Every structure is written in C-alpha cells, then in structure tokens.
Amino acid sequence: MQILKSKILLIGDSEKKCNHITDIIKNPWNQVICASNFELAMKECILKSFDLIICFEELSDMNAFQVYTVLNSEILKNQVPFIIILNNHSKNKLLLGTELGIDSFIFPSFDEERILKVINVQLKKNNDRKKIEHLKYEALLNSTPHAVFIAENLKIIESNHNFHKLIKPKASNKSEYFFRDIFEFNPKNNYELNFFRLVNGLEKNCTFTEVKMVGNKDDLFDVSFFLLNKRGTSYKVIGIIKKKIEKLDIHDLALRSNGNKDNKEKPIDVKLFTNREREILKLSAIGIPIKQIAEQLNISKRTVEKHRSNIISKTNTGNIVEAVFLYSKHIISEKIND
C-alpha cells in the first residue's frame, strides 16, 4: 500500500522513531517534514499548509494532546487531520482524544500495513471533503452577478466567468494576471498602504473606488478585497469587482431637461401617481436598487417591480430612468411656479 499524494508534518523528538515512520510513509510523490519540538511544529503550521499532521505521544516539552490543543486554531482553520502515535493502547487516552477531536491513533504493534491504512483513511477523507467544498465554492463563485477572483501575492490565480467577461476585450489566452495587468488604481485611494494593512491583518477588508480597468477608459469600478489567509510572507485575498453606477440626481435631470430647447416632451400629471408610486419614483431617482427600495418600504421586490411598471406605463416611457426624468421636470416646474 502506498500513501496518497500529500504533504505531511511529523512531530517527534526521537530521530530514530521519526526516521522509521518517514521510511514507511515517504514516496516520490509526497513530502514529509519533521519537527523535533513544538516550537518548530508551530512555525511549520503557520508558514505552510499540510494535508496531515502526525505527532508522537511524548515530546521533550509536552505531550501530543497538549500539542493538539495549542495548535487547535491552526488545525481547525485549515481542517487538517491530526493523528497521534501512542506508546501503548489505553482506553483513557482514546476517550480523551475523542473528546478533544483527535482524528485517529496509531498504537503498538506498529504494523506497517496498519500505519499506512490509518493514514490513507484520513487523507482520503480530507481529499473528499476538499472536493465537495471546491464544488460548492465554484457554484457560489459562478452564481454571483459580480466579477470575483482569488489572488495570491498580487497575482490573480482563480476567477469566475463574470471576471473573464469583464476583461475579455483586453484578454489574451492568459490564465493568470497580476494586478497591474488589470487595474489602474486611483492614487488618492492610497492603494499600497491600505492593501498592506489588509494583508497584515490590520484590516478585515478594504475597498477602492473609482478604479479603472486596463483598456477601459470609460467605466469606473469599485474593487473590494478580503483576506483569506496569510502564511509568512505569502497571502491570499478574494476580490470583488462592481461597476460603479452614477446615481441619478432628480434636480440634475430636471435642469438638463430645462436646458434642452428642443425638448417637446409633455409634462406629466402628478395626480396620475399613487403615494406609493411617488415614494418609489423618488428612491429610484437617487439610484437606490429595487431590493433596497423593498427593504426600506417594507414591501416585496415583486411589488416594487409592479409599481415601477405602472409608473413606466403612466408616463408612456421606455424605462424607469425616462420616467424619473419626466417626473423631475414636474418637481422643478412646481418649485418655479411656487
């Protein structure tokens, strides 16, 4: 039996014992890293990502149960299986390990076939979990209406289809991009300092506004970053790109209308609208989306859509923007007459 492809941390202060286990589990397609004490083990866990941790029961500075308890946050965060090599078969130790959440045990006699089987069971279980999580992650990534990407050290390594649609006019056949290939950050956002604060844990997220995309000088975007994890000098972030939509200002629209001498649109009769439709017109005029209008007025999205459809019909316009435009003319006209 061979060990599945993996990266394993082996914690033990006996070189002879560690070499024995390493000889059993090592093969050309996996990697075994040994740590002779807890301090080294902690350092390795923080800096690197492992598929499995194996720890001998007794170390010079503490026992394996204590090691697991102290490393617990790192182990749980990365969902790494933890196996203890016991000195002897003890019911109390097995009960204690079960209560703590230890994944499995290896105990005398140290039969090679049994050791490989215990390790492979945990590796297979972990691989299956990762596959399921990846499928869920991909489904979520591609169901969002925004462009989303994962970046490692300023290099975009994974993205959804909306991201590729956004960069399509300037994309070649590249599968990976650096930030400089995609973004032109506004200097006033102090991008470098704010991003540095994020990747060093001083901020949970950061958002940059008025960002231009390389090759697109017409549109502006908001780009938000969230730190996924950091290991030493390496870090991963998730980014979300949203096209910046300018809010419609009711007075600006009216002034534009008044300034247009060729405008022959008939003024609308405000009595056509119900009180609710007027509320929705005003909120639509300042750029509030349907979902937020529904929440603010404590009605359903479908009801908002129905009211907006009625407004469009009553104003004989093609969309809500044109309806808002006509309504704004009435508001300004009303103020001038007063």
Protein backbone atom coordinates (compact mmCIF):
# COMPACT_ATOMS: atom_id res chain seq x y z
CA MET A 1 0.00 0.00 0.00
CA GLN A 2 1.22 3.49 -0.89
CA ILE A 3 0.41 6.80 0.78
CA LEU A 4 -1.76 9.16 -1.29
CA LYS A 5 -0.05 12.26 -2.66
CA SER A 6 0.22 14.60 0.30
CA LYS A 7 2.24 16.96 2.46
CA ILE A 8 2.69 15.58 5.99
CA LEU A 9 4.08 17.17 9.17
CA LEU A 10 5.67 14.62 11.52
CA ILE A 11 6.27 15.86 15.09
CA GLY A 12 8.66 13.86 17.27
CA ASP A 13 11.89 14.44 19.22
CA SER A 14 13.31 10.97 18.57
CA GLU A 15 15.23 10.91 15.31
CA LYS A 16 15.16 7.13 15.22
CA LYS A 17 11.36 6.95 15.60
CA CYS A 18 10.79 9.73 13.09
CA ASN A 19 13.04 8.08 10.51
CA HIS A 20 11.17 4.81 10.97
CA ILE A 21 7.79 6.43 10.24
CA THR A 22 9.24 8.52 7.41
CA ASP A 23 10.64 5.39 5.74
CA ILE A 24 7.18 3.81 5.88
CA ILE A 25 5.16 6.71 4.51
CA LYS A 26 7.54 8.56 2.20
CA ASN A 27 7.39 8.05 -1.55
CA PRO A 28 8.36 10.10 -4.63
CA TRP A 29 5.03 11.97 -4.82
CA ASN A 30 4.57 13.07 -1.22
CA GLN A 31 6.54 15.25 1.20
CA VAL A 32 7.27 14.57 4.88
CA ILE A 33 8.56 17.44 7.03
CA CYS A 34 9.87 16.62 10.50
CA ALA A 35 9.70 18.93 13.54
CA SER A 36 11.70 17.88 16.61
CA ASN A 37 9.76 20.05 19.09
CA PHE A 38 6.57 22.04 19.49
CA GLU A 39 8.13 25.38 18.62
CA LEU A 40 9.28 24.11 15.22
CA ALA A 41 5.93 22.42 14.66
CA MET A 42 4.07 25.69 15.32
CA LYS A 43 6.35 27.56 12.92
CA GLU A 44 5.77 24.99 10.17
CA CYS A 45 1.98 25.11 10.67
CA ILE A 46 1.92 28.88 10.40
CA LEU A 47 4.15 29.10 7.35
CA LYS A 48 2.96 26.06 5.39
CA SER A 49 -0.18 24.21 4.53
CA PHE A 50 -0.33 20.47 5.36
CA ASP A 51 -2.67 17.65 4.41
CA LEU A 52 -1.97 15.70 7.61
CA ILE A 53 -0.20 16.06 10.97
CA ILE A 54 1.25 13.04 12.83
CA CYS A 55 2.56 13.51 16.37
CA PHE A 56 4.31 11.09 18.75
CA GLU A 57 2.63 10.87 22.14
CA GLU A 58 5.59 12.09 24.20
CA LEU A 59 7.83 15.02 23.31
CA SER A 60 10.54 16.63 25.45
CA ASP A 61 8.48 19.76 26.13
CA MET A 62 4.87 18.48 26.11
CA ASN A 63 2.65 15.56 25.07
CA ALA A 64 0.69 15.13 21.84
CA PHE A 65 -2.65 16.06 23.44
CA GLN A 66 -1.18 19.38 24.56
CA VAL A 67 0.32 19.94 21.11
CA TYR A 68 -3.11 19.40 19.53
CA THR A 69 -4.79 21.77 21.99
CA VAL A 70 -2.29 24.58 21.33
CA LEU A 71 -2.28 24.05 17.56
CA ASN A 72 -6.04 23.69 17.51
CA SER A 73 -6.81 27.07 15.90
CA GLU A 74 -4.40 26.43 13.00
CA ILE A 75 -5.59 22.83 12.60
CA LEU A 76 -9.28 23.73 12.60
CA LYS A 77 -8.78 26.76 10.36
CA ASN A 78 -7.22 24.59 7.68
CA GLN A 79 -9.14 21.42 8.61
CA VAL A 80 -6.01 19.29 8.85
CA PRO A 81 -6.43 15.72 10.20
CA PHE A 82 -4.34 15.04 13.34
CA ILE A 83 -3.05 11.54 14.22
CA ILE A 84 -1.30 10.59 17.49
CA ILE A 85 1.19 7.71 17.72
CA LEU A 86 0.54 6.26 21.19
CA ASN A 87 3.13 4.45 23.31
CA ASN A 88 0.54 1.89 24.34
CA HIS A 89 -3.11 1.03 23.85
CA SER A 90 -5.02 2.93 26.53
CA LYS A 91 -8.79 3.28 26.77
CA ASN A 92 -8.48 6.54 28.72
CA LYS A 93 -6.19 8.08 26.10
CA LEU A 94 -8.59 7.10 23.33
CA LEU A 95 -11.51 8.64 25.24
CA LEU A 96 -9.53 11.83 25.89
CA GLY A 97 -8.54 12.04 22.22
CA THR A 98 -12.15 11.56 21.10
CA GLU A 99 -13.30 14.37 23.40
CA LEU A 100 -10.59 16.71 22.10
CA GLY A 101 -11.36 15.89 18.45
CA ILE A 102 -8.25 13.87 17.53
CA ASP A 103 -8.94 12.23 14.18
CA SER A 104 -7.15 8.90 14.64
CA PHE A 105 -4.48 6.94 16.54
CA ILE A 106 -1.61 4.59 15.76
CA PHE A 107 -0.62 2.25 18.59
CA PRO A 108 1.50 -0.89 19.14
CA SER A 109 2.22 -3.10 17.48
CA PHE A 110 3.44 -0.71 14.80
CA ASP A 111 2.49 -2.84 11.84
CA GLU A 112 3.46 -1.11 8.59
CA GLU A 113 0.30 -2.08 6.76
CA ARG A 114 -1.90 -0.78 9.59
CA ILE A 115 0.02 2.52 9.79
CA LEU A 116 -0.45 3.08 6.06
CA LYS A 117 -4.14 2.20 6.27
CA VAL A 118 -4.83 4.65 9.15
CA ILE A 119 -3.01 7.47 7.34
CA ASN A 120 -4.66 6.79 3.98
CA VAL A 121 -8.14 6.74 5.53
CA GLN A 122 -7.59 10.25 6.92
CA LEU A 123 -6.02 11.55 3.70
CA LYS A 124 -8.86 10.16 1.57
CA LYS A 125 -11.48 11.62 3.91
CA ASN A 126 -9.78 15.01 3.73
CA ASN A 127 -9.45 14.86 -0.07
CA ASP A 128 -13.15 14.01 -0.43
CA ARG A 129 -14.09 16.93 1.83
CA LYS A 130 -11.94 19.32 -0.22
CA LYS A 131 -13.54 18.14 -3.47
CA ILE A 132 -17.05 18.75 -2.11
CA GLU A 133 -16.07 22.16 -0.76
CA HIS A 134 -14.48 23.09 -4.09
CA LEU A 135 -17.68 22.16 -5.97
CA LYS A 136 -19.73 24.32 -3.58
CA TYR A 137 -17.21 27.13 -3.92
CA GLU A 138 -17.31 27.00 -7.73
CA ALA A 139 -21.12 27.01 -7.71
CA LEU A 140 -21.15 30.06 -5.42
CA LEU A 141 -18.44 31.83 -7.41
CA ASN A 142 -20.31 31.47 -10.69
CA SER A 143 -23.75 32.30 -9.31
CA THR A 144 -22.77 35.80 -8.15
CA PRO A 145 -23.56 38.65 -10.59
CA HIS A 146 -20.21 40.30 -9.85
CA ALA A 147 -16.71 39.63 -11.15
CA VAL A 148 -14.86 37.67 -8.44
CA PHE A 149 -11.26 36.49 -8.28
CA ILE A 150 -8.74 34.88 -5.92
CA ALA A 151 -5.28 36.44 -5.79
CA GLU A 152 -2.06 35.22 -4.26
CA ASN A 153 0.72 37.77 -3.76
CA LEU A 154 -0.80 40.27 -6.25
CA LYS A 155 -1.34 37.56 -8.87
CA ILE A 156 -4.88 36.53 -9.80
CA ILE A 157 -4.88 32.74 -9.81
CA GLU A 158 -8.59 31.91 -9.98
CA SER A 159 -11.69 33.76 -11.18
CA ASN A 160 -15.31 33.35 -12.25
CA HIS A 161 -16.86 33.76 -15.70
CA ASN A 162 -18.00 37.34 -14.95
CA PHE A 163 -14.38 38.32 -14.40
CA HIS A 164 -13.40 36.93 -17.80
CA LYS A 165 -16.34 38.69 -19.46
CA LEU A 166 -15.16 41.95 -17.91
CA ILE A 167 -11.59 41.67 -19.19
CA LYS A 168 -12.48 39.96 -22.48
CA PRO A 169 -11.70 42.95 -24.75
CA LYS A 170 -8.12 43.05 -23.50
CA ALA A 171 -7.54 39.42 -22.56
CA SER A 172 -5.25 37.12 -24.42
CA ASN A 173 -5.06 33.41 -23.67
CA LYS A 174 -3.54 34.09 -20.26
CA SER A 175 -4.90 32.12 -17.32
CA GLU A 176 -3.19 34.25 -14.66
CA TYR A 177 -2.88 38.01 -14.30
CA PHE A 178 -1.05 40.37 -11.98
CA PHE A 179 -2.97 43.33 -10.59
CA ARG A 180 -1.02 45.63 -12.86
CA ASP A 181 -2.41 43.72 -15.87
CA ILE A 182 -5.98 44.51 -14.84
CA PHE A 183 -6.28 47.57 -12.59
CA GLU A 184 -5.33 51.23 -12.64
CA PHE A 185 -5.82 52.32 -9.02
CA ASN A 186 -6.62 55.93 -8.25
CA PRO A 187 -3.61 57.44 -6.39
CA LYS A 188 -5.90 59.20 -3.90
CA ASN A 189 -7.03 55.78 -2.59
CA ASN A 190 -3.55 55.20 -1.12
CA TYR A 191 -3.74 51.68 -2.53
CA GLU A 192 -0.37 50.36 -1.35
CA LEU A 193 -0.77 51.35 2.31
CA ASN A 194 -4.36 50.17 2.61
CA PHE A 195 -3.63 46.87 0.90
CA PHE A 196 -0.55 46.39 3.11
CA ARG A 197 -2.74 46.89 6.19
CA LEU A 198 -5.19 44.27 4.89
CA VAL A 199 -2.65 41.52 4.17
CA ASN A 200 -1.02 42.06 7.56
CA GLY A 201 -4.26 41.61 9.46
CA LEU A 202 -4.76 45.27 10.43
CA GLU A 203 -7.96 45.47 8.37
CA LYS A 204 -10.58 42.81 7.63
CA ASN A 205 -11.29 44.24 4.18
CA CYS A 206 -10.63 47.27 2.02
CA THR A 207 -12.47 48.83 -0.91
CA PHE A 208 -11.05 51.07 -3.60
CA THR A 209 -13.38 53.33 -5.57
CA GLU A 210 -13.05 54.91 -9.00
CA VAL A 211 -10.75 52.13 -10.19
CA LYS A 212 -10.13 51.93 -13.93
CA MET A 213 -9.61 48.67 -15.77
CA VAL A 214 -6.69 48.50 -18.18
CA GLY A 215 -8.01 49.04 -21.68
CA ASN A 216 -11.32 50.53 -20.47
CA LYS A 217 -11.11 54.29 -20.02
CA ASP A 218 -14.88 54.89 -19.96
CA ASP A 219 -16.09 52.96 -16.90
CA LEU A 220 -15.17 53.15 -13.23
CA PHE A 221 -15.30 50.26 -10.77
CA ASP A 222 -15.33 49.59 -7.04
CA VAL A 223 -12.90 46.82 -6.09
CA SER A 224 -13.18 45.17 -2.65
CA PHE A 225 -10.57 42.85 -1.12
CA PHE A 226 -10.98 40.36 1.74
CA LEU A 227 -8.07 38.45 3.30
CA LEU A 228 -8.48 34.66 3.05
CA ASN A 229 -5.27 33.58 4.78
CA LYS A 230 -1.68 34.55 5.36
CA ARG A 231 1.35 32.29 5.81
CA GLY A 232 4.60 34.10 6.42
CA THR A 233 5.18 36.46 3.51
CA SER A 234 2.58 34.69 1.36
CA TYR A 235 -1.10 35.67 1.40
CA LYS A 236 -4.35 35.04 -0.44
CA VAL A 237 -7.18 37.50 -0.95
CA ILE A 238 -10.59 37.36 -2.58
CA GLY A 239 -11.56 40.33 -4.76
CA ILE A 240 -14.98 41.53 -5.92
CA ILE A 241 -15.34 43.98 -8.82
CA LYS A 242 -18.52 46.05 -9.15
CA LYS A 243 -19.18 48.54 -11.91
CA LYS A 244 -19.69 51.99 -10.41
CA ILE A 245 -23.16 53.29 -11.28
CA GLU A 246 -23.64 57.01 -11.08
CA LYS A 247 -26.68 57.93 -9.00
CA LEU A 248 -29.42 59.82 -10.78
CA ASP A 249 -29.96 63.22 -9.22
CA ILE A 250 -33.55 64.41 -9.65
CA HIS A 251 -32.59 68.10 -9.86
CA ASP A 252 -29.73 67.48 -12.29
CA LEU A 253 -32.09 65.64 -14.58
CA ALA A 254 -34.62 68.46 -14.47
CA LEU A 255 -32.03 71.14 -15.12
CA ARG A 256 -30.76 69.17 -18.09
CA SER A 257 -34.32 68.98 -19.37
CA ASN A 258 -34.95 72.70 -18.95
CA GLY A 259 -31.72 73.47 -20.75
CA ASN A 260 -32.80 71.49 -23.78
CA LYS A 261 -34.78 73.87 -26.03
CA ASP A 262 -35.71 71.09 -28.41
CA ASN A 263 -37.37 69.05 -25.72
CA LYS A 264 -41.02 68.63 -26.70
CA GLU A 265 -41.98 66.11 -24.04
CA LYS A 266 -45.32 66.87 -22.44
CA PRO A 267 -45.30 67.48 -18.68
CA ILE A 268 -46.76 64.64 -16.68
CA ASP A 269 -49.77 64.88 -14.42
CA VAL A 270 -48.51 64.09 -10.93
CA LYS A 271 -52.05 63.12 -9.92
CA LEU A 272 -51.57 60.01 -12.02
CA PHE A 273 -49.35 58.51 -9.32
CA THR A 274 -50.32 56.96 -6.04
CA ASN A 275 -48.45 57.94 -2.88
CA ARG A 276 -46.52 54.67 -3.03
CA GLU A 277 -45.53 55.27 -6.66
CA ARG A 278 -44.24 58.74 -5.75
CA GLU A 279 -42.11 57.18 -2.99
CA ILE A 280 -40.68 54.66 -5.43
CA LEU A 281 -40.03 57.38 -8.02
CA LYS A 282 -38.06 59.46 -5.51
CA LEU A 283 -35.99 56.49 -4.33
CA SER A 284 -35.35 55.36 -7.91
CA ALA A 285 -34.20 58.88 -8.77
CA ILE A 286 -31.29 58.69 -6.31
CA GLY A 287 -30.15 55.34 -7.67
CA ILE A 288 -31.44 53.00 -4.95
CA PRO A 289 -31.86 49.46 -6.38
CA ILE A 290 -35.12 47.50 -6.23
CA LYS A 291 -34.02 45.24 -3.35
CA GLN A 292 -33.13 48.17 -1.09
CA ILE A 293 -36.32 50.04 -2.02
CA ALA A 294 -38.30 46.94 -0.99
CA GLU A 295 -36.47 46.76 2.34
CA GLN A 296 -36.86 50.48 3.02
CA LEU A 297 -40.61 50.47 2.26
CA ASN A 298 -41.14 47.05 3.85
CA ILE A 299 -42.65 45.55 0.71
CA SER A 300 -41.59 42.74 -1.61
CA LYS A 301 -39.28 43.14 -4.61
CA ARG A 302 -42.10 41.97 -6.86
CA THR A 303 -44.35 44.75 -5.53
CA VAL A 304 -41.64 47.33 -6.25
CA GLU A 305 -41.28 45.98 -9.78
CA LYS A 306 -45.06 46.16 -10.28
CA HIS A 307 -45.18 49.79 -9.11
CA ARG A 308 -42.29 50.71 -11.38
CA SER A 309 -44.05 49.02 -14.30
CA ASN A 310 -47.17 51.09 -13.57
CA ILE A 311 -45.05 54.26 -13.43
CA ILE A 312 -43.48 53.49 -16.81
CA SER A 313 -46.90 52.80 -18.27
CA LYS A 314 -48.44 56.01 -16.86
CA THR A 315 -45.58 58.16 -18.19
CA ASN A 316 -45.55 56.40 -21.55
CA THR A 317 -41.77 55.92 -21.26
CA GLY A 318 -39.45 53.05 -22.08
CA ASN A 319 -37.86 52.58 -18.67
CA ILE A 320 -37.69 53.91 -15.11
CA VAL A 321 -34.84 56.33 -15.95
CA GLU A 322 -37.02 58.14 -18.51
CA ALA A 323 -39.93 58.18 -16.05
CA VAL A 324 -37.72 59.72 -13.37
CA PHE A 325 -36.52 62.28 -15.92
CA LEU A 326 -40.09 63.42 -16.66
CA TYR A 327 -41.07 63.42 -13.00
CA SER A 328 -38.05 65.59 -12.17
CA LYS A 329 -39.25 68.18 -14.70
CA HIS A 330 -42.54 68.39 -12.87
CA ILE A 331 -40.81 68.87 -9.49
CA ILE A 332 -38.64 71.74 -10.77
CA SER A 333 -41.58 73.30 -12.64
CA GLU A 334 -43.66 73.12 -9.49
CA LYS A 335 -40.92 74.84 -7.46
CA ILE A 336 -40.53 77.63 -10.07
CA ASN A 337 -44.29 78.30 -10.12
CA ASP A 338 -44.40 78.45 -6.33
